[in-house]
């Protein structure tokens, strides 16, 4: 099933998920609308919905067929009716309660010990390392997606003065907590893993914990602003000890 409802494209993914999509681009207005739709669906407490996943320009509703669909033989028709009614109600509902956006101030140590690519970026962009740090810390970034690895946080938009492509050949190992840049996005590696982003620092915060009560520190729609700390401050705050 794939249909167009106003500005939305709606389509099925397998037999357990329904995707609501807006224009395919990285845009804060689109992200905010998806966030509102997420809150709207959650508030309705619809029986059979197992999860809602928001990312960039899409919102995916994962459902339990047994509880969500009354007649599996009429699945496409039921999904069409559900999608149309839901979006019409959402678009007309001027009383959608907007939740306050959470802003995290995240410490980052830009010491050469952690900032593996900072000097190379400085040379490539003809800008001092201190100016790169200043620019990186001056922006409030929006979290557009969580993925690639559990808790990996994709954030934008990076100032064009310090935008740089990822490495053509990824590193075999990037340390958990490493902060990197790839094009117009910045992100934090949640665990030790291979990675191709340009590494400019490291946060002492543990941004992913496998404990079911903790998991990812950030969620889509949150905001992040970095601030610079010394190596000593990093050691004092280090959650990876």
Protein backbone atom coordinates (compact mmCIF):
# COMPACT_ATOMS: atom_id res chain seq x y z
CA UNK A 1 0.00 0.00 0.00
CA UNK A 2 1.30 3.44 -0.96
CA UNK A 3 -0.93 6.51 -0.93
CA UNK A 4 -0.76 10.28 -0.84
CA UNK A 5 -2.69 12.13 1.87
CA UNK A 6 -2.27 15.91 1.68
CA UNK A 7 1.48 16.53 1.99
CA UNK A 8 2.10 13.04 3.39
CA UNK A 9 3.13 9.85 1.61
CA UNK A 10 2.00 6.73 3.45
CA UNK A 11 3.24 3.22 2.72
CA UNK A 12 3.58 -0.18 4.35
CA UNK A 13 6.84 -1.85 5.27
CA UNK A 14 6.15 -5.56 5.43
CA UNK A 15 3.03 -6.51 7.33
CA UNK A 16 3.89 -4.92 10.69
CA UNK A 17 4.84 -1.31 9.95
CA UNK A 18 3.34 1.80 8.41
CA UNK A 19 5.45 4.78 7.32
CA UNK A 20 4.28 8.41 7.25
CA UNK A 21 6.72 10.43 5.12
CA UNK A 22 7.19 14.10 4.31
CA UNK A 23 9.57 15.65 1.78
CA UNK A 24 12.85 13.73 1.79
CA UNK A 25 15.24 16.31 3.16
CA UNK A 26 16.92 17.32 6.41
CA UNK A 27 14.84 20.22 7.67
CA UNK A 28 13.94 21.37 11.19
CA UNK A 29 10.35 22.22 10.20
CA UNK A 30 9.83 18.66 8.98
CA UNK A 31 11.42 17.24 12.12
CA UNK A 32 9.14 19.34 14.33
CA UNK A 33 6.03 18.20 12.46
CA UNK A 34 7.05 14.56 12.82
CA UNK A 35 7.67 15.11 16.50
CA UNK A 36 4.15 16.55 16.87
CA UNK A 37 2.66 13.59 15.00
CA UNK A 38 4.57 11.24 17.30
CA UNK A 39 3.14 13.00 20.36
CA UNK A 40 -0.34 13.01 18.81
CA UNK A 41 -0.30 9.25 18.18
CA UNK A 42 1.10 8.50 21.62
CA UNK A 43 -1.63 10.58 23.24
CA UNK A 44 -4.33 8.55 21.46
CA UNK A 45 -3.05 5.29 23.03
CA UNK A 46 -4.10 3.20 20.02
CA UNK A 47 -4.39 -0.50 20.75
CA UNK A 48 -1.87 -2.63 18.86
CA UNK A 49 0.84 0.00 18.29
CA UNK A 50 4.15 -1.38 19.55
CA UNK A 51 6.61 1.38 18.66
CA UNK A 52 6.95 4.72 16.87
CA UNK A 53 10.25 5.52 15.16
CA UNK A 54 10.98 9.07 13.97
CA UNK A 55 13.92 9.84 11.69
CA UNK A 56 14.67 12.80 9.38
CA UNK A 57 11.52 12.96 7.21
CA UNK A 58 9.69 9.77 8.23
CA UNK A 59 7.66 8.40 11.11
CA UNK A 60 7.25 4.62 11.24
CA UNK A 61 4.45 3.01 13.24
CA UNK A 62 5.20 -0.59 14.21
CA UNK A 63 2.09 -2.55 15.06
CA UNK A 64 0.90 -5.97 16.18
CA UNK A 65 -1.31 -7.34 13.41
CA UNK A 66 -3.43 -9.39 15.77
CA UNK A 67 -4.46 -6.39 17.87
CA UNK A 68 -4.22 -3.63 15.26
CA UNK A 69 -6.15 -5.19 12.38
CA UNK A 70 -9.59 -6.71 12.83
CA UNK A 71 -9.52 -8.53 9.48
CA UNK A 72 -6.17 -9.50 7.96
CA UNK A 73 -7.78 -10.08 4.57
CA UNK A 74 -8.76 -6.41 4.45
CA UNK A 75 -5.43 -5.13 5.77
CA UNK A 76 -4.75 -2.59 2.98
CA UNK A 77 -8.21 -1.07 3.21
CA UNK A 78 -8.04 -0.84 7.01
CA UNK A 79 -4.61 0.80 6.88
CA UNK A 80 -5.87 3.29 4.31
CA UNK A 81 -8.85 4.20 6.48
CA UNK A 82 -6.68 4.44 9.60
CA UNK A 83 -4.00 6.60 7.89
CA UNK A 84 -6.50 8.99 6.32
CA UNK A 85 -8.50 9.45 9.51
CA UNK A 86 -5.39 9.87 11.63
CA UNK A 87 -3.74 12.48 9.41
CA UNK A 88 -6.97 14.42 8.86
CA UNK A 89 -7.53 14.58 12.60
CA UNK A 90 -3.91 15.53 13.22
CA UNK A 91 -3.89 18.30 10.63
CA UNK A 92 -7.19 19.75 11.89
CA UNK A 93 -6.32 19.49 15.56
CA UNK A 94 -5.15 22.92 16.63
CA UNK A 95 -4.88 21.76 20.22
CA UNK A 96 -1.97 19.38 19.71
CA UNK A 97 -0.02 19.69 22.93
CA UNK A 98 3.61 20.45 22.18
CA UNK A 99 6.07 18.97 24.62
CA UNK A 100 8.95 21.15 25.68
CA UNK A 101 12.14 20.36 23.75
CA UNK A 102 14.92 19.03 25.95
CA UNK A 103 18.28 20.78 25.53
CA UNK A 104 21.37 18.88 26.67
CA UNK A 105 24.61 20.76 27.33
CA UNK A 106 27.23 18.15 26.53
CA UNK A 107 30.85 18.45 27.69
CA UNK A 108 33.53 17.67 25.10
CA UNK A 109 37.28 17.51 25.49
CA UNK A 110 38.99 18.69 22.31
CA UNK A 111 42.45 17.73 23.56
CA UNK A 112 44.76 16.32 20.82
CA UNK A 113 44.62 12.97 22.64
CA UNK A 114 40.96 12.67 21.57
CA UNK A 115 40.72 15.08 18.61
CA UNK A 116 42.26 12.75 16.06
CA UNK A 117 41.31 14.82 13.00
CA UNK A 118 41.18 18.36 14.36
CA UNK A 119 44.58 19.42 13.01
CA UNK A 120 43.82 17.98 9.57
CA UNK A 121 40.49 19.80 9.45
CA UNK A 122 42.28 23.00 10.48
CA UNK A 123 44.69 22.63 7.57
CA UNK A 124 41.99 21.65 5.07
CA UNK A 125 39.66 24.52 6.02
CA UNK A 126 42.42 27.08 6.67
CA UNK A 127 40.99 27.86 10.12
CA UNK A 128 42.56 27.47 13.57
CA UNK A 129 41.69 24.55 15.80
CA UNK A 130 40.41 26.97 18.44
CA UNK A 131 38.07 28.56 15.92
CA UNK A 132 36.77 25.12 14.91
CA UNK A 133 36.05 24.35 18.56
CA UNK A 134 34.38 27.72 19.04
CA UNK A 135 32.15 27.23 15.99
CA UNK A 136 31.30 23.65 16.95
CA UNK A 137 30.23 24.79 20.43
CA UNK A 138 28.28 27.82 19.22
CA UNK A 139 25.41 25.91 17.61
CA UNK A 140 22.37 24.25 19.15
CA UNK A 141 22.03 21.01 17.20
CA UNK A 142 18.79 19.13 16.60
CA UNK A 143 18.78 15.34 16.92
CA UNK A 144 17.43 14.06 13.59
CA UNK A 145 17.99 10.35 13.98
CA UNK A 146 19.25 7.60 16.26
CA UNK A 147 20.76 4.68 14.40
CA UNK A 148 23.68 2.90 12.72
CA UNK A 149 24.51 1.68 16.23
CA UNK A 150 22.28 1.71 19.33
CA UNK A 151 22.37 5.29 20.60
CA UNK A 152 24.40 6.78 17.73
CA UNK A 153 23.15 10.36 17.50
CA UNK A 154 22.88 12.19 14.16
CA UNK A 155 22.68 15.95 14.70
CA UNK A 156 22.60 19.01 12.47
CA UNK A 157 23.30 21.43 11.09
CA UNK A 158 27.08 21.90 11.21
CA UNK A 159 28.32 25.37 10.22
CA UNK A 160 29.56 25.30 6.61
CA UNK A 161 32.94 26.67 7.76
CA UNK A 162 33.76 23.36 9.46
CA UNK A 163 31.79 20.90 7.33
CA UNK A 164 34.01 18.14 6.04
CA UNK A 165 33.42 14.79 4.34
CA UNK A 166 33.90 11.56 6.25
CA UNK A 167 37.06 9.52 5.69
CA UNK A 168 37.13 7.52 2.48
CA UNK A 169 38.47 4.58 4.50
CA UNK A 170 36.90 4.19 7.96
CA UNK A 171 39.04 3.63 11.03
CA UNK A 172 39.05 0.10 12.38
CA UNK A 173 38.29 1.44 15.85
CA UNK A 174 36.74 4.66 17.16
CA UNK A 175 36.44 5.08 20.92
CA UNK A 176 33.05 5.35 22.62
CA UNK A 177 32.21 8.99 23.33
CA UNK A 178 34.13 10.29 20.30
CA UNK A 179 32.53 13.35 18.70
CA UNK A 180 32.77 13.59 14.94
CA UNK A 181 31.74 15.57 11.89
CA UNK A 182 30.51 14.18 8.57
CA UNK A 183 29.24 16.79 6.11
CA UNK A 184 26.52 18.90 7.68
CA UNK A 185 26.06 16.51 10.61
CA UNK A 186 27.84 15.95 13.91
CA UNK A 187 27.49 12.86 16.05
CA UNK A 188 28.69 10.91 19.07
CA UNK A 189 29.89 7.31 18.92
CA UNK A 190 28.09 5.30 21.63
CA UNK A 191 30.48 2.33 21.76
CA UNK A 192 33.93 1.32 20.55
CA UNK A 193 33.46 0.48 16.87
CA UNK A 194 34.71 1.09 13.33
CA UNK A 195 33.82 4.54 11.98
CA UNK A 196 34.55 7.03 9.24
CA UNK A 197 33.59 10.37 10.75
CA UNK A 198 36.18 13.10 11.32
CA UNK A 199 36.91 12.96 15.07
CA UNK A 200 37.33 16.32 16.82
CA UNK A 201 36.90 15.44 20.49
CA UNK A 202 35.38 13.16 23.06
CA UNK A 203 32.62 13.48 25.65
CA UNK A 204 33.01 11.88 29.09
CA UNK A 205 29.29 11.09 29.07
CA UNK A 206 28.14 7.55 28.41
CA UNK A 207 25.44 8.16 25.79
CA UNK A 208 24.27 4.57 25.54
CA UNK A 209 23.76 2.02 28.28
CA UNK A 210 22.50 -1.50 27.55
CA UNK A 211 20.51 -1.39 30.80
CA UNK A 212 16.84 -1.49 29.65
CA UNK A 213 16.05 1.34 32.07
CA UNK A 214 18.64 3.64 30.48
CA UNK A 215 19.50 2.86 26.82
CA UNK A 216 20.06 5.94 24.58
CA UNK A 217 20.65 9.23 26.35
CA UNK A 218 19.07 11.30 23.56
CA UNK A 219 15.98 10.88 21.40
CA UNK A 220 14.89 12.34 18.07
CA UNK A 221 13.69 15.91 18.57
CA UNK A 222 16.05 16.67 21.46
CA UNK A 223 18.65 19.42 21.15
CA UNK A 224 22.34 19.35 22.00
CA UNK A 225 24.89 22.09 22.55
CA UNK A 226 28.51 21.20 23.22
CA UNK A 227 30.88 23.02 25.54
CA UNK A 228 34.63 22.63 25.80
CA UNK A 229 36.30 21.09 28.85
CA UNK A 230 39.92 20.40 29.79
CA UNK A 231 41.57 16.99 29.96
CA UNK A 232 41.45 17.15 33.76
CA UNK A 233 37.72 17.96 33.71
CA UNK A 234 37.23 15.06 31.31
CA UNK A 235 39.00 12.69 33.69
CA UNK A 236 36.87 13.92 36.61
CA UNK A 237 33.62 13.44 34.64
CA UNK A 238 34.59 10.27 32.78
CA UNK A 239 31.73 7.75 32.92
CA UNK A 240 33.78 5.06 31.15
CA UNK A 241 36.10 4.42 34.11
